[in-house]
Protein backbone atom coordinates (compact mmCIF):
# COMPACT_ATOMS: atom_id res chain seq x y z
CA UNK A 1 85.37 -18.14 193.84
CA UNK A 2 83.82 -19.64 190.71
CA UNK A 3 86.05 -21.82 188.54
CA UNK A 4 86.31 -23.09 184.98
CA UNK A 5 87.38 -26.73 185.30
CA UNK A 6 89.41 -25.65 188.32
CA UNK A 7 90.66 -22.38 186.78
CA UNK A 8 89.71 -19.38 188.95
CA UNK A 9 87.12 -16.95 187.57
CA UNK A 10 87.48 -13.41 188.91
CA UNK A 11 84.83 -10.68 188.90
CA UNK A 12 86.18 -7.47 187.37
CA UNK A 13 86.48 -4.22 189.32
CA UNK A 14 84.69 -2.52 186.44
CA UNK A 15 81.51 -4.47 185.71
CA UNK A 16 80.12 -4.27 182.15
CA UNK A 17 76.85 -2.49 182.74
CA UNK A 18 74.85 -4.91 180.56
CA UNK A 19 76.84 -8.07 181.29
CA UNK A 20 77.45 -8.55 185.03
CA UNK A 21 78.42 -12.23 184.50
CA UNK A 22 81.48 -11.27 182.42
CA UNK A 23 84.65 -12.90 183.76
CA UNK A 24 87.70 -11.60 181.88
CA UNK A 25 90.35 -14.03 180.72
CA UNK A 26 93.11 -11.67 181.85
CA UNK A 27 91.94 -11.77 185.47
CA UNK A 28 91.66 -15.56 185.46
CA UNK A 29 95.19 -15.84 184.08
CA UNK A 30 96.57 -13.44 186.67
CA UNK A 31 94.75 -15.24 189.50
CA UNK A 32 96.11 -18.58 188.31
CA UNK A 33 99.64 -17.19 188.09
CA UNK A 34 99.27 -15.83 191.63
CA UNK A 35 98.32 -19.32 192.81
CA UNK A 36 101.40 -20.72 191.08
CA UNK A 37 103.64 -18.09 192.68
CA UNK A 38 102.16 -18.83 196.10
CA UNK A 39 102.90 -22.51 195.53
CA UNK A 40 106.61 -21.77 195.23
CA UNK A 41 106.70 -21.13 191.50
CA UNK A 42 104.92 -24.29 190.45
CA UNK A 43 106.00 -26.68 187.70
CA UNK A 44 107.69 -25.15 184.63
CA UNK A 45 106.07 -25.76 181.25
CA UNK A 46 107.84 -24.80 178.06
CA UNK A 47 105.82 -24.36 174.88
CA UNK A 48 106.70 -23.86 171.23
CA UNK A 49 104.48 -23.51 168.17
CA UNK A 50 105.86 -24.09 164.69
CA UNK A 51 104.64 -22.76 161.34
CA UNK A 52 104.95 -24.40 157.94
CA UNK A 53 107.88 -22.17 156.92
CA UNK A 54 109.86 -23.24 159.98
CA UNK A 55 109.11 -20.16 162.10
CA UNK A 56 108.92 -21.09 165.78
CA UNK A 57 107.55 -19.13 168.72
CA UNK A 58 108.54 -20.02 172.27
CA UNK A 59 106.74 -19.38 175.56
CA UNK A 60 107.50 -20.30 179.17
CA UNK A 61 104.67 -20.72 181.66
CA UNK A 62 104.17 -22.62 184.92
CA UNK A 63 101.36 -24.70 186.40
CA UNK A 64 100.43 -25.87 189.86
CA UNK A 65 102.12 -28.93 191.38
CA UNK A 66 100.05 -32.13 190.96
CA UNK A 67 99.54 -32.25 194.75
CA UNK A 68 97.98 -28.77 194.87
CA UNK A 69 94.23 -28.81 195.65
CA UNK A 70 93.53 -26.61 192.59
CA UNK A 71 95.78 -28.57 190.19
CA UNK A 72 92.67 -29.53 188.22
CA UNK A 73 92.87 -26.04 186.67
CA UNK A 74 96.19 -26.82 184.98
CA UNK A 75 94.69 -28.46 181.90
CA UNK A 76 92.17 -25.67 181.35
CA UNK A 77 94.87 -23.03 181.73
CA UNK A 78 97.16 -24.71 179.19
CA UNK A 79 94.34 -25.31 176.69
CA UNK A 80 93.14 -21.67 176.82
CA UNK A 81 96.73 -20.38 176.67
CA UNK A 82 97.57 -22.54 173.65
CA UNK A 83 94.33 -21.54 171.94
CA UNK A 84 95.40 -17.90 172.20
CA UNK A 85 98.78 -18.82 170.70
CA UNK A 86 97.20 -20.85 167.92
CA UNK A 87 95.00 -17.98 166.75
CA UNK A 88 97.36 -15.08 167.46
CA UNK A 89 100.62 -16.64 166.22
CA UNK A 90 99.43 -19.57 164.14
CA UNK A 91 101.05 -22.92 163.45
CA UNK A 92 100.54 -26.65 163.15
CA UNK A 93 102.99 -28.32 165.52
CA UNK A 94 102.76 -27.67 169.25
CA UNK A 95 105.69 -28.73 171.44
CA UNK A 96 105.15 -29.08 175.18
CA UNK A 97 107.83 -29.76 177.77
CA UNK A 98 106.00 -30.36 181.03
CA UNK A 99 103.85 -32.90 182.84
CA UNK A 100 102.82 -35.71 180.49
CA UNK A 101 99.14 -35.46 181.46
CA UNK A 102 98.97 -31.91 180.08
CA UNK A 103 100.24 -33.04 176.69
CA UNK A 104 97.79 -35.94 176.73
CA UNK A 105 94.80 -33.72 177.56
CA UNK A 106 95.81 -31.19 174.90
CA UNK A 107 96.06 -33.92 172.25
CA UNK A 108 92.64 -35.22 173.27
CA UNK A 109 91.15 -31.72 173.04
CA UNK A 110 91.94 -31.50 169.31
CA UNK A 111 90.43 -34.93 168.67
CA UNK A 112 87.52 -35.27 171.09
CA UNK A 113 85.94 -31.81 171.18
CA UNK A 114 84.15 -29.91 168.43
CA UNK A 115 85.92 -26.65 169.22
CA UNK A 116 89.31 -28.36 169.27
CA UNK A 117 88.62 -30.01 165.92
CA UNK A 118 87.57 -26.66 164.46
CA UNK A 119 90.84 -25.04 165.55
CA UNK A 120 92.88 -27.99 164.30
CA UNK A 121 91.18 -28.02 160.91
CA UNK A 122 91.07 -24.30 160.21
CA UNK A 123 94.43 -23.22 161.62
CA UNK A 124 96.76 -26.20 161.27
CA UNK A 125 95.37 -28.00 158.25
CA UNK A 126 93.80 -25.28 156.11
CA UNK A 127 96.14 -22.39 156.94
CA UNK A 128 99.43 -24.24 157.44
CA UNK A 129 98.84 -27.35 155.30
CA UNK A 130 99.53 -29.89 158.05
CA UNK A 131 97.35 -31.86 160.47
CA UNK A 132 97.78 -30.55 163.98
CA UNK A 133 100.42 -32.29 166.06
CA UNK A 134 101.10 -32.12 169.80
CA UNK A 135 104.58 -33.31 170.70
CA UNK A 136 105.59 -34.06 174.30
CA UNK A 137 109.35 -33.54 174.43
CA UNK A 138 112.19 -31.91 176.31
CA UNK A 139 113.88 -30.98 173.02
CA UNK A 140 112.11 -27.82 171.85
CA UNK A 141 113.23 -26.07 168.65
CA UNK A 142 114.84 -22.65 169.00
CA UNK A 143 112.78 -19.55 168.38
CA UNK A 144 113.10 -18.27 164.85
CA UNK A 145 110.92 -15.79 163.01
CA UNK A 146 111.20 -12.95 160.55
CA UNK A 147 109.51 -9.60 160.18
CA UNK A 148 109.18 -7.63 156.98
CA UNK A 149 108.04 -4.20 155.84
CA UNK A 150 104.50 -3.95 154.49
CA UNK A 151 103.14 -1.41 152.03
CA UNK A 152 103.83 2.33 152.31
CA UNK A 153 104.25 2.57 148.51
CA UNK A 154 102.20 5.57 147.43
CA UNK A 155 103.54 6.56 144.02
CA UNK A 156 101.40 6.28 140.87
CA UNK A 157 97.82 5.40 140.08
CA UNK A 158 96.53 2.76 142.43
CA UNK A 159 93.34 1.02 143.53
CA UNK A 160 92.75 -0.03 147.11
CA UNK A 161 89.91 -2.28 148.23
CA UNK A 162 88.64 -3.75 151.48
CA UNK A 163 86.25 -6.71 151.64
CA UNK A 164 84.09 -6.87 154.73
CA UNK A 165 81.26 -9.12 155.77
CA UNK A 166 78.55 -6.55 155.07
CA UNK A 167 80.13 -4.19 152.56
CA UNK A 168 83.05 -3.87 150.18
CA UNK A 169 84.96 -0.63 149.80
CA UNK A 170 87.13 0.61 146.96
CA UNK A 171 89.14 3.75 146.30
CA UNK A 172 91.13 5.24 143.45
CA UNK A 173 94.38 6.69 144.80
CA UNK A 174 96.78 9.06 143.02
CA UNK A 175 100.15 9.51 144.70
CA UNK A 176 98.61 8.79 148.10
CA UNK A 177 95.50 10.96 147.64
CA UNK A 178 92.02 9.45 147.29
CA UNK A 179 90.25 10.80 144.20
CA UNK A 180 87.26 8.42 144.35
CA UNK A 181 85.79 6.04 146.90
CA UNK A 182 82.68 3.92 147.10
CA UNK A 183 81.09 1.52 149.56
CA UNK A 184 78.81 -1.25 148.29
CA UNK A 185 76.59 -3.45 150.43
CA UNK A 186 76.99 -7.16 149.81
CA UNK A 187 76.40 -10.46 151.60
CA UNK A 188 79.37 -12.80 150.98
CA UNK A 189 79.17 -14.97 154.10
CA UNK A 190 76.53 -17.41 152.97
CA UNK A 191 76.88 -17.33 149.19
CA UNK A 192 77.82 -20.82 147.93
CA UNK A 193 78.97 -19.71 144.46
CA UNK A 194 82.36 -17.94 144.42
CA UNK A 195 81.34 -16.24 141.18
CA UNK A 196 79.35 -13.89 143.43
CA UNK A 197 82.56 -12.86 145.19
CA UNK A 198 84.54 -12.55 141.95
CA UNK A 199 81.89 -10.42 140.25
CA UNK A 200 81.57 -8.12 143.25
CA UNK A 201 85.31 -7.53 143.51
CA UNK A 202 85.72 -6.88 139.79
CA UNK A 203 82.72 -4.54 139.77
CA UNK A 204 84.27 -2.40 142.51
CA UNK A 205 87.67 -2.34 140.77
CA UNK A 206 86.09 -1.25 137.48
CA UNK A 207 84.32 1.64 139.18
CA UNK A 208 87.57 2.87 140.71
CA UNK A 209 89.49 2.45 137.45
CA UNK A 210 87.09 4.80 135.70
CA UNK A 211 88.63 7.61 137.77
CA UNK A 212 92.25 6.88 136.83
CA UNK A 213 94.13 7.35 133.55
CA UNK A 214 95.75 3.97 134.12
CA UNK A 215 96.11 1.39 136.90
CA UNK A 216 99.67 0.86 138.13
CA UNK A 217 98.87 -1.41 141.09
CA UNK A 218 95.99 -2.93 143.06
CA UNK A 219 96.11 -3.67 146.77
CA UNK A 220 93.41 -5.13 148.93
CA UNK A 221 92.46 -6.37 152.36
CA UNK A 222 89.96 -9.02 153.40
CA UNK A 223 89.11 -11.10 156.40
CA UNK A 224 91.10 -14.31 156.32
CA UNK A 225 94.58 -15.68 155.75
CA UNK A 226 96.37 -15.03 152.47
CA UNK A 227 99.77 -16.29 151.36
CA UNK A 228 101.18 -15.02 148.04
CA UNK A 229 97.67 -13.82 147.11
CA UNK A 230 96.22 -17.31 147.64
CA UNK A 231 93.30 -17.81 150.00
CA UNK A 232 94.22 -20.20 152.82
CA UNK A 233 91.10 -19.51 154.89
CA UNK A 234 88.52 -16.75 154.97
CA UNK A 235 85.22 -16.12 156.68
CA UNK A 236 83.99 -14.35 153.53
CA UNK A 237 83.92 -17.74 151.80
CA UNK A 238 82.56 -19.91 154.56
CA UNK A 239 79.35 -20.54 152.59
CA UNK A 240 81.32 -22.07 149.72
CA UNK A 241 81.46 -25.90 149.71
CA UNK A 242 84.95 -27.29 150.26
CA UNK A 243 85.27 -28.71 146.74
CA UNK A 244 84.45 -25.32 145.21
CA UNK A 245 86.74 -23.60 147.70
CA UNK A 246 89.62 -25.80 146.58
CA UNK A 247 88.78 -25.46 142.89
CA UNK A 248 88.02 -21.74 142.69
CA UNK A 249 88.43 -19.74 145.88
CA UNK A 250 92.05 -20.61 146.67
CA UNK A 251 93.21 -18.84 143.50
CA UNK A 252 90.39 -16.29 143.28
CA UNK A 253 92.67 -13.27 143.70
CA UNK A 254 95.13 -14.65 141.17
CA UNK A 255 92.15 -14.83 138.81
CA UNK A 256 91.31 -11.20 139.61
CA UNK A 257 94.92 -10.24 138.98
CA UNK A 258 94.85 -11.92 135.55
CA UNK A 259 91.65 -10.03 134.72
CA UNK A 260 93.65 -6.85 135.34
CA UNK A 261 96.51 -7.80 133.02
CA UNK A 262 98.75 -8.95 135.87
CA UNK A 263 99.45 -5.49 137.29
CA UNK A 264 101.31 -5.57 140.62
CA UNK A 265 98.70 -6.98 142.99
CA UNK A 266 98.71 -7.73 146.71
CA UNK A 267 95.96 -8.87 149.06
CA UNK A 268 96.53 -9.40 152.78
CA UNK A 269 94.56 -9.88 155.96
CA UNK A 270 92.35 -6.89 156.76
CA UNK A 271 93.72 -6.64 160.27
CA UNK A 272 97.26 -6.15 159.00
CA UNK A 273 96.06 -3.32 156.76
CA UNK A 274 94.18 -1.82 159.71
CA UNK A 275 97.41 -1.70 161.72
CA UNK A 276 99.37 -0.42 158.73
CA UNK A 277 96.82 2.34 158.17
CA UNK A 278 97.15 3.38 161.79
CA UNK A 279 100.93 3.34 161.66
CA UNK A 280 100.96 5.43 158.47
CA UNK A 281 98.44 7.93 159.81
CA UNK A 282 99.86 8.30 163.33
CA UNK A 283 103.52 7.94 162.47
CA UNK A 284 103.71 5.39 165.32
CA UNK A 285 104.77 1.76 165.66
CA UNK A 286 104.22 -1.01 168.25
CA UNK A 287 100.59 -0.62 167.29
CA UNK A 288 97.75 -3.11 167.61
CA UNK A 289 94.81 -2.29 165.36
CA UNK A 290 91.40 -3.66 166.33
CA UNK A 291 88.49 -3.24 163.93
CA UNK A 292 84.99 -3.80 165.30
CA UNK A 293 83.05 -4.77 162.19
CA UNK A 294 80.88 -7.71 161.22
CA UNK A 295 83.39 -9.73 163.21
CA UNK A 296 86.74 -8.73 164.72
CA UNK A 297 89.81 -7.93 162.63
CA UNK A 298 93.21 -7.20 164.12
CA UNK A 299 96.73 -6.51 162.97
CA UNK A 300 100.05 -5.68 164.54
CA UNK A 301 102.98 -3.49 163.53
CA UNK A 302 106.21 -4.08 165.44
CA UNK A 303 108.35 -1.40 167.06
CA UNK A 304 110.49 -1.25 163.94
CA UNK A 305 107.47 -0.72 161.70
CA UNK A 306 107.27 -4.23 160.25
CA UNK A 307 104.64 -6.95 160.19
CA UNK A 308 105.12 -10.54 161.32
CA UNK A 309 104.00 -13.96 160.12
CA UNK A 310 101.52 -14.07 163.00
CA UNK A 311 97.83 -14.71 162.33
CA UNK A 312 96.46 -12.05 164.71
CA UNK A 313 92.99 -13.60 164.36
CA UNK A 314 91.65 -12.09 167.57
CA UNK A 315 88.08 -12.98 166.63
CA UNK A 316 88.85 -16.50 167.91
CA UNK A 317 91.06 -15.89 170.96
CA UNK A 318 89.50 -16.40 174.42
CA UNK A 319 88.41 -13.11 176.01
CA UNK A 320 86.13 -14.45 178.76
CA UNK A 321 86.42 -17.69 180.70
CA UNK A 322 82.95 -18.04 182.19
CA UNK A 323 81.53 -21.21 180.59
CA UNK A 324 78.11 -19.59 179.97
CA UNK A 325 79.71 -16.82 177.92
CA UNK A 326 78.21 -16.40 174.43
CA UNK A 327 79.30 -18.92 171.82
CA UNK A 328 80.72 -18.03 168.43
CA UNK A 329 78.41 -19.19 165.65
CA UNK A 330 81.26 -20.49 163.47
CA UNK A 331 83.74 -22.13 165.83
CA UNK A 332 81.20 -22.95 168.52
CA UNK A 333 83.64 -21.86 171.24
CA UNK A 334 82.56 -19.60 174.08
CA UNK A 335 83.93 -16.24 175.18
CA UNK A 336 85.98 -15.49 172.06
CA UNK A 337 86.73 -12.07 170.60
CA UNK A 338 84.03 -12.03 167.92
CA UNK A 339 81.38 -11.96 170.64
CA UNK A 340 82.82 -8.86 172.31
CA UNK A 341 84.30 -6.63 169.61
CA UNK A 342 81.84 -6.65 166.70
CA UNK A 343 78.35 -6.07 165.37
CA UNK A 344 77.56 -9.47 166.85
CA UNK A 345 78.22 -8.06 170.31
CA UNK A 346 75.91 -5.12 169.61
CA UNK A 347 73.13 -7.45 168.49
CA UNK A 348 73.64 -9.71 171.50
CA UNK A 349 73.29 -6.80 173.95
CA UNK A 350 70.09 -5.36 172.47
CA UNK A 351 67.67 -7.19 174.81
CA UNK A 352 69.64 -6.23 177.92
CA UNK A 353 69.58 -2.61 176.72
CA UNK A 354 65.80 -2.70 176.33
CA UNK A 355 65.96 -2.17 172.59
CA UNK A 356 63.59 -4.15 170.38
CA UNK A 357 64.20 -4.73 166.68
CA UNK A 358 62.41 -6.92 164.12
CA UNK A 359 63.59 -10.52 164.31
CA UNK A 360 64.57 -10.61 160.63
CA UNK A 361 66.73 -7.48 160.84
CA UNK A 362 70.36 -8.09 159.95
CA UNK A 363 73.28 -7.09 162.16
CA UNK A 364 74.28 -4.04 160.05
CA UNK A 365 70.70 -2.73 160.27
CA UNK A 366 70.56 -3.41 164.01
CA UNK A 367 73.77 -1.44 164.41
CA UNK A 368 72.24 1.49 162.52
CA UNK A 369 69.28 1.43 164.90
CA UNK A 370 71.60 1.54 167.90
CA UNK A 371 73.73 4.30 166.38
CA UNK A 372 70.66 6.43 165.69
CA UNK A 373 69.40 5.90 169.24
CA UNK A 374 72.84 6.81 170.62
CA UNK A 375 72.78 10.01 168.59
CA UNK A 376 69.43 10.80 170.20
CA UNK A 377 70.77 10.20 173.70
CA UNK A 378 69.03 6.86 174.34
CA UNK A 379 70.27 5.48 177.67
CA UNK A 380 70.14 1.83 176.57
CA UNK A 381 72.15 2.49 173.43
CA UNK A 382 74.79 4.31 175.46
CA UNK A 383 74.99 1.34 177.83
CA UNK A 384 75.73 -0.96 174.86
CA UNK A 385 78.75 1.11 173.93
CA UNK A 386 79.87 1.44 177.53
CA UNK A 387 79.69 -2.35 177.85
CA UNK A 388 81.80 -2.76 174.70
CA UNK A 389 84.31 -0.32 176.16
CA UNK A 390 84.63 -2.38 179.31
CA UNK A 391 85.12 -5.51 177.23
CA UNK A 392 87.81 -3.74 175.21
CA UNK A 393 89.71 -2.58 178.28
CA UNK A 394 89.97 -6.09 179.68
CA UNK A 395 90.68 -7.45 176.20
CA UNK A 396 93.59 -5.06 175.64
CA UNK A 397 95.03 -5.94 179.05
CA UNK A 398 94.93 -9.60 177.97
CA UNK A 399 96.49 -8.83 174.58
CA UNK A 400 99.33 -6.99 176.33
CA UNK A 401 100.47 -10.33 177.76
CA UNK A 402 101.10 -11.52 174.19
CA UNK A 403 101.96 -8.34 172.26
CA UNK A 404 104.41 -5.49 172.82
CA UNK A 405 101.85 -2.68 172.61
CA UNK A 406 102.40 1.05 172.88
CA UNK A 407 99.36 2.11 170.82
CA UNK A 408 95.91 0.65 170.21
CA UNK A 409 93.99 1.81 167.16
CA UNK A 410 90.23 1.29 167.53
CA UNK A 411 88.11 1.48 164.40
CA UNK A 412 85.44 -0.29 162.40
CA UNK A 413 81.78 0.33 161.66
CA UNK A 414 80.77 -0.22 165.31
CA UNK A 415 82.93 2.73 166.40
CA UNK A 416 81.23 5.32 164.16
CA UNK A 417 79.61 8.25 165.92
CA UNK A 418 79.59 9.08 169.64
CA UNK A 419 79.43 5.39 170.52
CA UNK A 420 83.05 5.10 169.43
CA UNK A 421 84.03 7.63 172.07
CA UNK A 422 82.05 5.66 174.66
CA UNK A 423 83.99 2.52 173.75
CA UNK A 424 87.42 4.13 173.96
CA UNK A 425 86.61 6.04 177.15
CA UNK A 426 85.35 2.81 178.71
CA UNK A 427 88.52 0.96 177.77
CA UNK A 428 90.71 3.71 179.19
CA UNK A 429 88.68 3.63 182.41
CA UNK A 430 89.30 -0.11 182.82
CA UNK A 431 93.07 0.34 182.44
CA UNK A 432 93.07 3.25 184.88
CA UNK A 433 91.14 1.32 187.53
CA UNK A 434 92.41 -2.25 187.14
CA UNK A 435 95.69 -2.02 185.21
CA UNK A 436 97.42 1.29 186.02
CA UNK A 437 100.78 -0.08 184.84
CA UNK A 438 99.27 -0.52 181.37
CA UNK A 439 97.40 2.78 181.44
CA UNK A 440 100.71 4.59 181.75
CA UNK A 441 102.20 3.05 178.61
CA UNK A 442 99.31 2.25 176.23
CA UNK A 443 97.61 5.02 174.25
CA UNK A 444 94.26 4.54 172.52
CA UNK A 445 93.60 6.18 169.16
CA UNK A 446 90.46 6.62 167.08
CA UNK A 447 90.93 7.65 163.45
CA UNK A 448 89.46 10.99 162.41
CA UNK A 449 86.67 10.97 159.85
CA UNK A 450 89.07 11.36 156.92
CA UNK A 451 91.14 8.39 158.08
CA UNK A 452 88.01 6.37 158.76
CA UNK A 453 86.85 6.98 155.19
CA UNK A 454 90.15 6.66 153.40
CA UNK A 455 92.91 5.35 155.68
CA UNK A 456 92.27 1.66 155.03
CA UNK A 457 91.95 2.24 151.27
CA UNK A 458 95.20 4.19 151.08
CA UNK A 459 97.04 1.59 153.13
CA UNK A 460 95.64 -1.22 150.98
CA UNK A 461 96.54 0.61 147.78
CA UNK A 462 100.10 1.06 149.10
CA UNK A 463 100.69 -2.70 149.42
CA UNK A 464 102.15 -3.58 146.01
CA UNK A 465 105.59 -2.35 145.06
CA UNK A 466 105.75 -1.13 141.49
CA UNK A 467 108.98 -1.94 139.68
CA UNK A 468 110.96 1.05 138.56
């Protein structure tokens, strides 16, 4: 069996047709846990991750005894496990109660490796305002967290917007009904001047406002982390130099709000709005929404219909453990979600599918080529979507170890057309074959065309509460 620094790598029962080297994280984790169980239960390791507001999330795992011949895999297992926690839950202080060498190697990871430094800077420092800290202790803080309702306010004249990496969408909404919507192509990722972002947002809002007698509230979604309408981190602004980010971007949405006479205004992570849209449309909770767009957006609605303070940035969580898995262009890490659930994944699979496109063609245009070929019955294009479906099945099985999931909403530009059905059918097939216990309790959903066009906009517009 192949290994990742001693961690077992397991070939899946369902092989991605265009990626036979894929080694799912979920199977590696299960194989490692089986080794631990066979070793008498192993050595307990207690973990906690703390956020800036004092929220704490606790997890209990176990590793192999130091004398075990495969104990070298312990450090890799803990590092990949904590990385998932860091990007799914979020926080700055990591507590570890277990063998001292595991705490030492984890500390070194965030100092000595480029991917560790990226995680430490973006999550701990930029999102939670603290340098990352790894504390080896037997005195872990108690779990404490809060959930809260999000959105679902539909009364009045509202504007909803969604800012993606290749387009921005806006809608005028009257008492929950869309009366106008528009999608505008833009390229925010590599623009160094935040005025470009400001002008684009305001332009879309003005177009929607022309279709309303007044504007009672504005709600929006965008990739990134937002606290009280302030930008903590966002891929849309990654081309902006840090000094300009600090000076202009952090308060960009407060600036937009002022331009609209301080009407009730709320902007949140696009993944949260994705999950909210699914919950509102389906009338279901315990829902994980996964949007396959320029990158990967995700959000989670609890069983009681609330959101959490979790990050849910599944674009950066480990999905595959094979060390030659594709690397993310931003973080530099391998095998993370953005490379499996996005336009980037489509572009990456083009050569294996036998599809040639001009070298200067952007990812949105490459996706359009693949979608057109899929409509025409092209075998290679269908294999791309089938491969994405296999990825998604193993990804959802991995997510189920960290989320209480009853429903998975699959949407985003990549899922448009018959390829979306290929993806969902492929994911269901993986659960049926490899994870029957999950297949019996997790239902996949794809929004209908009306919800695809308007669901996100309505959910975004519903975010602000208008005082009575």
